[in-house]
C-alpha atoms as a PDB file:
ATOM      1  CA  MET A   1     131.748  28.037  83.276  1.00  0.00           C
ATOM      2  CA  GLY A   2     133.728  29.773  85.951  1.00  0.00           C
ATOM      3  CA  ASP A   3     133.927  33.478  86.601  1.00  0.00           C
ATOM      4  CA  TYR A   4     135.004  35.772  83.703  1.00  0.00           C
ATOM      5  CA  ILE A   5     135.022  39.291  82.374  1.00  0.00           C
ATOM      6  CA  VAL A   6     133.727  40.194  78.928  1.00  0.00           C
ATOM      7  CA  ARG A   7     134.988  43.400  77.067  1.00  0.00           C
ATOM      8  CA  ALA A   8     133.033  44.999  74.290  1.00  0.00           C
ATOM      9  CA  MET A   9     132.656  48.310  72.248  1.00  0.00           C
ATOM     10  CA  ALA A  10     129.404  49.771  70.896  1.00  0.00           C
ATOM     11  CA  GLY A  11     128.097  52.758  69.080  1.00  0.00           C
ATOM     12  CA  ASN A  12     130.856  52.943  66.518  1.00  0.00           C
ATOM     13  CA  GLU A  13     133.313  52.781  69.502  1.00  0.00           C
ATOM     14  CA  GLN A  14     131.670  55.647  71.306  1.00  0.00           C
ATOM     15  CA  ILE A  15     130.953  53.258  74.196  1.00  0.00           C
ATOM     16  CA  ARG A  16     133.181  50.793  75.871  1.00  0.00           C
ATOM     17  CA  ALA A  17     131.827  48.201  78.119  1.00  0.00           C
ATOM     18  CA  TYR A  18     132.639  45.403  80.659  1.00  0.00           C
ATOM     19  CA  ALA A  19     130.491  42.803  82.397  1.00  0.00           C
ATOM     20  CA  ALA A  20     131.433  39.895  84.728  1.00  0.00           C
ATOM     21  CA  THR A  21     130.174  37.009  86.653  1.00  0.00           C
ATOM     22  CA  THR A  22     131.901  36.505  89.864  1.00  0.00           C
ATOM     23  CA  ARG A  23     129.946  34.231  91.891  1.00  0.00           C
ATOM     24  CA  GLU A  24     132.782  31.722  92.666  1.00  0.00           C
ATOM     25  CA  LEU A  25     135.325  34.262  93.590  1.00  0.00           C
ATOM     26  CA  VAL A  26     132.721  36.164  95.904  1.00  0.00           C
ATOM     27  CA  GLU A  27     131.856  32.849  97.544  1.00  0.00           C
ATOM     28  CA  GLU A  28     135.430  31.997  98.157  1.00  0.00           C
ATOM     29  CA  ALA A  29     135.924  35.402  99.739  1.00  0.00           C
ATOM     30  CA  ARG A  30     132.909  34.792 101.902  1.00  0.00           C
ATOM     31  CA  GLN A  31     134.205  31.321 103.029  1.00  0.00           C
ATOM     32  CA  ARG A  32     137.688  32.740 103.698  1.00  0.00           C
ATOM     33  CA  HIS A  33     136.743  35.683 105.816  1.00  0.00           C
ATOM     34  CA  GLN A  34     133.378  34.180 107.189  1.00  0.00           C
ATOM     35  CA  THR A  35     131.368  37.360 106.238  1.00  0.00           C
ATOM     36  CA  TYR A  36     127.815  37.794 107.236  1.00  0.00           C
ATOM     37  CA  PRO A  37     125.447  38.564 104.362  1.00  0.00           C
ATOM     38  CA  VAL A  38     125.667  42.389 104.387  1.00  0.00           C
ATOM     39  CA  ALA A  39     129.517  42.196 104.449  1.00  0.00           C
ATOM     40  CA  THR A  40     129.534  39.550 101.693  1.00  0.00           C
ATOM     41  CA  ALA A  41     127.335  41.876  99.430  1.00  0.00           C
ATOM     42  CA  ALA A  42     129.632  44.859 100.119  1.00  0.00           C
ATOM     43  CA  LEU A  43     132.816  42.896  99.541  1.00  0.00           C
ATOM     44  CA  GLY A  44     131.484  41.124  96.627  1.00  0.00           C
ATOM     45  CA  ARG A  45     130.481  44.322  94.925  1.00  0.00           C
ATOM     46  CA  LEU A  46     133.796  45.873  95.531  1.00  0.00           C
ATOM     47  CA  LEU A  47     135.724  42.606  94.360  1.00  0.00           C
ATOM     48  CA  THR A  48     133.537  42.563  91.116  1.00  0.00           C
ATOM     49  CA  ALA A  49     134.320  46.174  90.454  1.00  0.00           C
ATOM     50  CA  GLY A  50     137.990  45.643  91.169  1.00  0.00           C
ATOM     51  CA  ALA A  51     138.236  42.706  88.777  1.00  0.00           C
ATOM     52  CA  MET A  52     136.703  44.816  85.834  1.00  0.00           C
ATOM     53  CA  MET A  53     138.776  47.948  86.686  1.00  0.00           C
ATOM     54  CA  GLY A  54     141.942  45.797  86.771  1.00  0.00           C
ATOM     55  CA  SER A  55     141.203  44.418  83.442  1.00  0.00           C
ATOM     56  CA  MET A  56     141.171  48.051  82.081  1.00  0.00           C
ATOM     57  CA  MET A  57     144.899  48.554  82.827  1.00  0.00           C
ATOM     58  CA  LYS A  58     147.593  47.656  80.211  1.00  0.00           C
ATOM     59  CA  GLY A  59     150.882  46.717  81.916  1.00  0.00           C
ATOM     60  CA  ASP A  60     151.490  43.152  83.088  1.00  0.00           C
ATOM     61  CA  LYS A  61     152.655  44.333  86.530  1.00  0.00           C
ATOM     62  CA  ASP A  62     149.980  47.107  87.031  1.00  0.00           C
ATOM     63  CA  LEU A  63     148.024  46.932  90.198  1.00  0.00           C
ATOM     64  CA  LEU A  64     144.853  48.492  91.301  1.00  0.00           C
ATOM     65  CA  THR A  65     143.647  49.006  94.822  1.00  0.00           C
ATOM     66  CA  LEU A  66     140.084  50.089  95.701  1.00  0.00           C
ATOM     67  CA  GLN A  67     139.729  51.311  99.456  1.00  0.00           C
ATOM     68  CA  ILE A  68     136.725  52.527 101.326  1.00  0.00           C
ATOM     69  CA  GLN A  69     137.148  54.127 104.618  1.00  0.00           C
ATOM     70  CA  CYS A  70     133.693  54.715 106.184  1.00  0.00           C
ATOM     71  CA  SER A  71     131.935  55.589 109.384  1.00  0.00           C
ATOM     72  CA  GLY A  72     129.418  52.720 109.276  1.00  0.00           C
ATOM     73  CA  PRO A  73     129.781  49.415 111.226  1.00  0.00           C
ATOM     74  CA  ILE A  74     131.513  47.556 108.399  1.00  0.00           C
ATOM     75  CA  GLY A  75     134.482  49.812 109.130  1.00  0.00           C
ATOM     76  CA  GLY A  76     136.092  49.850 105.558  1.00  0.00           C
ATOM     77  CA  LEU A  77     137.010  47.644 102.717  1.00  0.00           C
ATOM     78  CA  THR A  78     140.139  47.108 100.684  1.00  0.00           C
ATOM     79  CA  VAL A  79     140.372  45.244  97.319  1.00  0.00           C
ATOM     80  CA  THR A  80     143.435  44.819  95.057  1.00  0.00           C
ATOM     81  CA  ALA A  81     143.443  43.509  91.496  1.00  0.00           C
ATOM     82  CA  ASP A  82     145.849  43.062  88.598  1.00  0.00           C
ATOM     83  CA  THR A  83     145.508  43.108  84.725  1.00  0.00           C
ATOM     84  CA  HIS A  84     145.179  39.273  84.661  1.00  0.00           C
ATOM     85  CA  GLY A  85     141.906  38.888  86.505  1.00  0.00           C
ATOM     86  CA  ASN A  86     143.303  38.197  89.963  1.00  0.00           C
ATOM     87  CA  VAL A  87     141.507  39.850  92.698  1.00  0.00           C
ATOM     88  CA  LYS A  88     141.624  39.779  96.544  1.00  0.00           C
ATOM     89  CA  GLY A  89     140.076  41.695  99.427  1.00  0.00           C
ATOM     90  CA  PHE A  90     138.786  42.062 102.902  1.00  0.00           C
ATOM     91  CA  VAL A  91     136.465  43.966 105.135  1.00  0.00           C
ATOM     92  CA  LYS A  92     137.311  45.243 108.525  1.00  0.00           C
ATOM     93  CA  ASN A  93     134.226  43.966 110.271  1.00  0.00           C
ATOM     94  CA  PRO A  94     133.041  40.711 108.542  1.00  0.00           C
ATOM     95  CA  GLU A  95     130.405  40.021 111.029  1.00  0.00           C
ATOM     96  CA  VAL A  96     128.494  43.188 110.596  1.00  0.00           C
ATOM     97  CA  ASP A  97     124.733  42.448 110.951  1.00  0.00           C
ATOM     98  CA  LEU A  98     121.912  44.741 109.909  1.00  0.00           C
ATOM     99  CA  PRO A  99     118.118  44.480 109.338  1.00  0.00           C
ATOM    100  CA  PRO A 100     117.055  44.735 105.613  1.00  0.00           C
ATOM    101  CA  SER A 101     116.660  48.048 103.940  1.00  0.00           C
ATOM    102  CA  PRO A 102     113.122  49.452 103.608  1.00  0.00           C
ATOM    103  CA  LYS A 103     113.039  47.717  99.981  1.00  0.00           C
ATOM    104  CA  GLY A 104     113.776  44.296 101.810  1.00  0.00           C
ATOM    105  CA  LYS A 105     117.330  44.291 100.486  1.00  0.00           C
ATOM    106  CA  LEU A 106     120.863  43.790 102.200  1.00  0.00           C
ATOM    107  CA  ASP A 107     121.532  47.305 103.516  1.00  0.00           C
ATOM    108  CA  VAL A 108     124.968  47.915 102.154  1.00  0.00           C
ATOM    109  CA  GLY A 109     124.512  51.736 102.250  1.00  0.00           C
ATOM    110  CA  LYS A 110     123.840  51.655 105.947  1.00  0.00           C
ATOM    111  CA  ALA A 111     126.607  49.161 106.486  1.00  0.00           C
ATOM    112  CA  LEU A 112     129.034  51.791 104.883  1.00  0.00           C
ATOM    113  CA  ASP A 113     127.256  55.185 105.892  1.00  0.00           C
ATOM    114  CA  MET A 114     129.496  58.233 105.124  1.00  0.00           C
ATOM    115  CA  GLY A 115     133.188  57.947 103.946  1.00  0.00           C
ATOM    116  CA  VAL A 116     135.710  58.181 101.227  1.00  0.00           C
ATOM    117  CA  LEU A 117     136.471  55.987  98.116  1.00  0.00           C
ATOM    118  CA  SER A 118     139.971  55.906  97.147  1.00  0.00           C
ATOM    119  CA  VAL A 119     141.223  54.537  93.683  1.00  0.00           C
ATOM    120  CA  MET A 120     144.980  53.765  93.489  1.00  0.00           C
ATOM    121  CA  ARG A 121     146.581  52.654  90.263  1.00  0.00           C
ATOM    122  CA  ASP A 122     150.371  51.527  90.620  1.00  0.00           C
ATOM    123  CA  LEU A 123     151.476  51.661  87.026  1.00  0.00           C
ATOM    124  CA  GLY A 124     155.238  51.166  87.779  1.00  0.00           C
ATOM    125  CA  LEU A 125     156.067  54.919  87.831  1.00  0.00           C
ATOM    126  CA  LYS A 126     157.605  56.770  90.719  1.00  0.00           C
ATOM    127  CA  ASP A 127     154.305  57.434  92.366  1.00  0.00           C
ATOM    128  CA  PRO A 128     150.937  55.773  92.053  1.00  0.00           C
ATOM    129  CA  TYR A 129     147.800  57.602  90.672  1.00  0.00           C
ATOM    130  CA  ILE A 130     145.405  58.242  93.540  1.00  0.00           C
ATOM    131  CA  GLY A 131     141.949  59.452  92.958  1.00  0.00           C
ATOM    132  CA  GLN A 132     139.362  60.008  95.752  1.00  0.00           C
ATOM    133  CA  THR A 133     135.766  60.818  96.093  1.00  0.00           C
ATOM    134  CA  GLN A 134     133.110  61.072  98.952  1.00  0.00           C
ATOM    135  CA  LEU A 135     130.756  58.171  99.216  1.00  0.00           C
ATOM    136  CA  THR A 136     127.346  59.306  97.919  1.00  0.00           C
ATOM    137  CA  THR A 137     125.179  56.488  98.781  1.00  0.00           C
ATOM    138  CA  GLY A 138     127.338  53.791 100.087  1.00  0.00           C
ATOM    139  CA  GLU A 139     125.880  51.466  97.485  1.00  0.00           C
ATOM    140  CA  ILE A 140     129.381  50.981  95.809  1.00  0.00           C
ATOM    141  CA  GLY A 141     128.070  50.982  92.212  1.00  0.00           C
ATOM    142  CA  ASP A 142     126.659  54.614  92.547  1.00  0.00           C
ATOM    143  CA  ASP A 143     129.769  55.590  94.325  1.00  0.00           C
ATOM    144  CA  LEU A 144     131.937  54.200  91.551  1.00  0.00           C
ATOM    145  CA  THR A 145     129.835  56.002  88.884  1.00  0.00           C
ATOM    146  CA  PHE A 146     130.202  59.234  90.738  1.00  0.00           C
ATOM    147  CA  TYR A 147     134.006  58.681  91.094  1.00  0.00           C
ATOM    148  CA  PHE A 148     134.545  58.153  87.274  1.00  0.00           C
ATOM    149  CA  ALA A 149     132.534  61.259  86.581  1.00  0.00           C
ATOM    150  CA  THR A 150     134.223  63.587  89.056  1.00  0.00           C
ATOM    151  CA  SER A 151     137.800  62.161  89.322  1.00  0.00           C
ATOM    152  CA  GLU A 152     138.537  60.756  85.863  1.00  0.00           C
ATOM    153  CA  GLN A 153     136.041  63.015  83.890  1.00  0.00           C
ATOM    154  CA  THR A 154     134.638  59.721  82.310  1.00  0.00           C
ATOM    155  CA  PRO A 155     130.705  59.501  82.167  1.00  0.00           C
ATOM    156  CA  SER A 156     130.102  55.966  83.324  1.00  0.00           C
ATOM    157  CA  SER A 157     127.346  53.595  84.619  1.00  0.00           C
ATOM    158  CA  VAL A 158     128.364  51.096  87.113  1.00  0.00           C
ATOM    159  CA  GLY A 159     126.055  48.144  88.210  1.00  0.00           C
ATOM    160  CA  LEU A 160     127.091  45.664  90.840  1.00  0.00           C
ATOM    161  CA  GLY A 161     125.040  42.968  92.594  1.00  0.00           C
ATOM    162  CA  VAL A 162     125.429  40.039  94.995  1.00  0.00           C
ATOM    163  CA  LEU A 163     122.537  37.762  95.489  1.00  0.00           C
ATOM    164  CA  MET A 164     122.565  35.292  98.639  1.00  0.00           C
ATOM    165  CA  ASN A 165     120.885  31.956  99.074  1.00  0.00           C
ATOM    166  CA  LYS A 166     118.896  31.306 102.255  1.00  0.00           C
ATOM    167  CA  ASP A 167     121.834  29.394 103.687  1.00  0.00           C
ATOM    168  CA  ASN A 168     123.834  32.577 103.212  1.00  0.00           C
ATOM    169  CA  THR A 169     126.091  31.320 100.529  1.00  0.00           C
ATOM    170  CA  VAL A 170     126.462  33.325  97.223  1.00  0.00           C
ATOM    171  CA  LYS A 171     123.771  32.473  94.721  1.00  0.00           C
ATOM    172  CA  GLN A 172     124.951  34.982  92.015  1.00  0.00           C
ATOM    173  CA  ALA A 173     127.365  37.908  91.779  1.00  0.00           C
ATOM    174  CA  GLY A 174     128.515  40.223  88.971  1.00  0.00           C
ATOM    175  CA  GLY A 175     128.108  43.526  87.368  1.00  0.00           C
ATOM    176  CA  PHE A 176     128.923  45.938  84.582  1.00  0.00           C
ATOM    177  CA  ILE A 177     130.740  49.168  83.790  1.00  0.00           C
ATOM    178  CA  ILE A 178     129.520  51.058  80.610  1.00  0.00           C
ATOM    179  CA  GLN A 179     131.657  54.359  79.735  1.00  0.00           C
ATOM    180  CA  LEU A 180     131.238  56.945  77.175  1.00  0.00           C
ATOM    181  CA  MET A 181     134.309  57.875  75.111  1.00  0.00           C
ATOM    182  CA  PRO A 182     135.129  61.702  75.058  1.00  0.00           C
ATOM    183  CA  PHE A 183     134.055  61.875  71.281  1.00  0.00           C
ATOM    184  CA  ALA A 184     130.386  60.338  71.924  1.00  0.00           C
ATOM    185  CA  ASP A 185     127.904  62.384  70.212  1.00  0.00           C
ATOM    186  CA  ASP A 186     124.653  63.814  72.024  1.00  0.00           C
ATOM    187  CA  VAL A 187     122.327  61.381  70.316  1.00  0.00           C
ATOM    188  CA  THR A 188     124.308  58.382  71.498  1.00  0.00           C
ATOM    189  CA  VAL A 189     124.510  59.813  75.247  1.00  0.00           C
ATOM    190  CA  ASP A 190     120.656  60.490  75.199  1.00  0.00           C
ATOM    191  CA  ARG A 191     119.872  57.093  73.847  1.00  0.00           C
ATOM    192  CA  LEU A 192     122.303  55.251  76.327  1.00  0.00           C
ATOM    193  CA  GLU A 193     121.013  57.329  79.439  1.00  0.00           C
ATOM    194  CA  LYS A 194     117.331  56.410  78.531  1.00  0.00           C
ATOM    195  CA  LYS A 195     118.392  52.676  78.209  1.00  0.00           C
ATOM    196  CA  LEU A 196     120.213  52.571  81.503  1.00  0.00           C
ATOM    197  CA  ARG A 197     117.387  54.189  83.341  1.00  0.00           C
ATOM    198  CA  ALA A 198     114.899  51.538  82.168  1.00  0.00           C
ATOM    199  CA  CYS A 199     117.237  48.491  82.819  1.00  0.00           C
ATOM    200  CA  ASP A 200     116.666  46.017  85.616  1.00  0.00           C
ATOM    201  CA  PRO A 201     118.929  45.763  88.614  1.00  0.00           C
ATOM    202  CA  VAL A 202     122.055  43.499  88.279  1.00  0.00           C
ATOM    203  CA  THR A 203     120.685  41.054  90.703  1.00  0.00           C
ATOM    204  CA  THR A 204     117.462  40.592  88.653  1.00  0.00           C
ATOM    205  CA  MET A 205     119.294  40.122  85.584  1.00  0.00           C
ATOM    206  CA  LEU A 206     121.771  37.546  87.293  1.00  0.00           C
ATOM    207  CA  ASP A 207     118.807  35.772  88.850  1.00  0.00           C
ATOM    208  CA  ARG A 208     117.273  35.226  85.398  1.00  0.00           C
ATOM    209  CA  GLY A 209     120.592  33.431  84.549  1.00  0.00           C
ATOM    210  CA  MET A 210     121.857  36.114  82.292  1.00  0.00           C
ATOM    211  CA  THR A 211     125.536  35.813  81.451  1.00  0.00           C
ATOM    212  CA  PRO A 212     127.776  38.966  80.997  1.00  0.00           C
ATOM    213  CA  GLU A 213     127.198  38.679  77.228  1.00  0.00           C
ATOM    214  CA  ASP A 214     123.541  38.539  77.796  1.00  0.00           C
ATOM    215  CA  ILE A 215     123.747  41.752  80.155  1.00  0.00           C
ATOM    216  CA  LEU A 216     125.587  43.705  77.594  1.00  0.00           C
ATOM    217  CA  LYS A 217     123.182  42.507  74.735  1.00  0.00           C
ATOM    218  CA  GLU A 218     120.334  43.672  76.979  1.00  0.00           C
ATOM    219  CA  LEU A 219     121.933  47.151  77.626  1.00  0.00           C
ATOM    220  CA  LEU A 220     123.723  47.824  74.425  1.00  0.00           C
ATOM    221  CA  GLY A 221     122.341  45.472  71.805  1.00  0.00           C
ATOM    222  CA  GLU A 222     120.730  48.286  69.889  1.00  0.00           C
ATOM    223  CA  PHE A 223     124.029  50.204  69.667  1.00  0.00           C
ATOM    224  CA  GLY A 224     125.818  47.616  67.399  1.00  0.00           C
ATOM    225  CA  LEU A 225     127.536  45.655  70.213  1.00  0.00           C
ATOM    226  CA  GLU A 226     130.876  44.190  69.451  1.00  0.00           C
ATOM    227  CA  PHE A 227     132.547  41.802  71.771  1.00  0.00           C
ATOM    228  CA  ILE A 228     136.324  42.211  72.012  1.00  0.00           C
ATOM    229  CA  ASP A 229     137.520  39.358  74.265  1.00  0.00           C
ATOM    230  CA  THR A 230     137.024  37.521  77.553  1.00  0.00           C
ATOM    231  CA  LEU A 231     139.251  37.229  80.722  1.00  0.00           C
ATOM    232  CA  ASP A 232     138.949  34.753  83.489  1.00  0.00           C
ATOM    233  CA  THR A 233     138.693  36.103  86.909  1.00  0.00           C
ATOM    234  CA  ARG A 234     139.381  34.645  90.280  1.00  0.00           C
ATOM    235  CA  PHE A 235     140.140  35.235  94.024  1.00  0.00           C
ATOM    236  CA  HIS A 236     143.849  35.034  94.193  1.00  0.00           C
ATOM    237  CA  CYS A 237     146.313  36.102  96.957  1.00  0.00           C
ATOM    238  CA  ASN A 238     149.922  35.955  96.215  1.00  0.00           C
ATOM    239  CA  CYS A 239     150.955  35.695  99.873  1.00  0.00           C
ATOM    240  CA  SER A 240     153.315  32.829 101.016  1.00  0.00           C
ATOM    241  CA  LYS A 241     155.134  31.819 103.984  1.00  0.00           C
ATOM    242  CA  GLU A 242     158.438  33.093 102.180  1.00  0.00           C
ATOM    243  CA  ARG A 243     156.872  36.484 101.531  1.00  0.00           C
ATOM    244  CA  VAL A 244     155.473  36.780 105.013  1.00  0.00           C
ATOM    245  CA  ALA A 245     158.938  35.796 106.336  1.00  0.00           C
ATOM    246  CA  LYS A 246     160.435  38.755 104.458  1.00  0.00           C
ATOM    247  CA  ALA A 247     157.876  41.164 105.965  1.00  0.00           C
ATOM    248  CA  VAL A 248     158.983  39.826 109.484  1.00  0.00           C
ATOM    249  CA  ILE A 249     162.563  40.383 108.683  1.00  0.00           C
ATOM    250  CA  SER A 250     162.021  43.751 107.636  1.00  0.00           C
ATOM    251  CA  LEU A 251     160.717  44.611 111.214  1.00  0.00           C
ATOM    252  CA  GLY A 252     164.487  44.579 112.259  1.00  0.00           C
ATOM    253  CA  LYS A 253     166.631  42.714 114.820  1.00  0.00           C
ATOM    254  CA  LYS A 254     165.130  44.436 117.782  1.00  0.00           C
ATOM    255  CA  GLU A 255     161.699  43.362 117.033  1.00  0.00           C
ATOM    256  CA  ILE A 256     162.675  39.781 115.939  1.00  0.00           C
ATOM    257  CA  GLU A 257     164.685  39.456 119.333  1.00  0.00           C
ATOM    258  CA  SER A 258     161.568  40.524 121.198  1.00  0.00           C
ATOM    259  CA  LEU A 259     159.602  37.925 119.470  1.00  0.00           C
ATOM    260  CA  ILE A 260     162.204  35.191 120.196  1.00  0.00           C
ATOM    261  CA  ALA A 261     162.182  36.288 123.942  1.00  0.00           C
ATOM    262  CA  GLU A 262     158.532  35.470 124.174  1.00  0.00           C
ATOM    263  CA  ASP A 263     159.602  31.819 123.691  1.00  0.00           C
ATOM    264  CA  LYS A 264     156.560  30.745 121.669  1.00  0.00           C
ATOM    265  CA  PRO A 265     155.571  30.282 117.895  1.00  0.00           C
ATOM    266  CA  VAL A 266     154.584  33.483 116.216  1.00  0.00           C
ATOM    267  CA  GLU A 267     151.395  33.396 113.912  1.00  0.00           C
ATOM    268  CA  VAL A 268     151.072  35.924 111.209  1.00  0.00           C
ATOM    269  CA  ASN A 269     147.765  36.561 109.456  1.00  0.00           C
ATOM    270  CA  CYS A 270     147.221  37.729 105.810  1.00  0.00           C
ATOM    271  CA  HIS A 271     144.425  40.258 105.786  1.00  0.00           C
ATOM    272  CA  PHE A 272     143.485  39.647 102.182  1.00  0.00           C
ATOM    273  CA  CYS A 273     142.958  35.851 102.308  1.00  0.00           C
ATOM    274  CA  ASN A 274     142.917  35.146 105.941  1.00  0.00           C
ATOM    275  CA  SER A 275     145.724  32.519 105.568  1.00  0.00           C
ATOM    276  CA  HIS A 276     147.905  31.957 108.698  1.00  0.00           C
ATOM    277  CA  TYR A 277     151.616  31.427 108.736  1.00  0.00           C
ATOM    278  CA  LEU A 278     153.306  29.921 112.024  1.00  0.00           C
ATOM    279  CA  PHE A 279     157.008  30.591 112.643  1.00  0.00           C
ATOM    280  CA  GLU A 280     158.779  28.466 115.275  1.00  0.00           C
ATOM    281  CA  LYS A 281     161.547  29.893 117.455  1.00  0.00           C
ATOM    282  CA  ASP A 282     164.271  28.326 115.223  1.00  0.00           C
ATOM    283  CA  GLU A 283     162.849  30.000 112.252  1.00  0.00           C
ATOM    284  CA  LEU A 284     162.958  33.311 113.998  1.00  0.00           C
ATOM    285  CA  LYS A 285     166.493  32.828 114.944  1.00  0.00           C
ATOM    286  CA  GLU A 286     167.372  32.254 111.284  1.00  0.00           C
ATOM    287  CA  MET A 287     165.502  35.469 110.170  1.00  0.00           C
ATOM    288  CA  LEU A 288     167.504  37.282 112.906  1.00  0.00           C
ATOM    289  CA  LYS A 289     170.823  36.516 111.255  1.00  0.00           C
ATOM    290  CA  VAL A 290     169.734  38.475 108.019  1.00  0.00           C
ATOM    291  CA  ALA A 291     167.546  41.205 109.508  1.00  0.00           C
ATOM    292  CA  ARG A 292     168.984  44.766 109.864  1.00  0.00           C
ATOM    293  CA  ARG A 293     169.203  46.767 112.985  1.00  0.00           C
END
């Protein structure tokens, strides 16, 4: 089975939960951007979170953007997701290379270091909703947990993991988001906190071959878990030569004339999927006809 997200409720609807397996989309991102292991782990975690958070939105055209600006050698990350399970993203420095953390793990926290996490939701209104928080650990899951608590006042637990093979391909990737509803009672809150403190890391559960359903059963089985639905998720970029051409046209006549004057093809790269689009001189001349000053 390919990548998918499962959505569930528990504790008489006092708890909502999401879990995902994302190995294939994270591996596609790795191949497209040729990321080193630390960058693969960081981008994979944010892609997984983006896919799950995108599935929380309601409108067909709603868009979510997760952006990390940081002082660490990775430089920053950007992920965009929609409500249909489509997600894409990139890192500024895909070739960041660091020694393992003291625990022998990929040191994502050091790759990010200090910075800001921004969550932008475009719901088709005049202005998008934007929430921000400081990075607390750089481990991304912890930072999103902090974001939900401080910016959205939603007590949450976010677990994210990417496990690499020795050849630096992606062995497993996935995660979960568990959130308490505003009317959750103290008994449920205490029981859930105790359960989450005792749970294994996401990579350990994934390495045991656990599915998203298995992960939620492990965490919430004693709370009367009820699965709602599943949603396929994938790495998908909606760029095309036509869309890129429109972006070039938007530069205006003066800029396009300058490109034509160079008398050589123009190559445009999509940051999100690393696709390359080549425009010959004749194509640029056609763009010039419809461009504005």
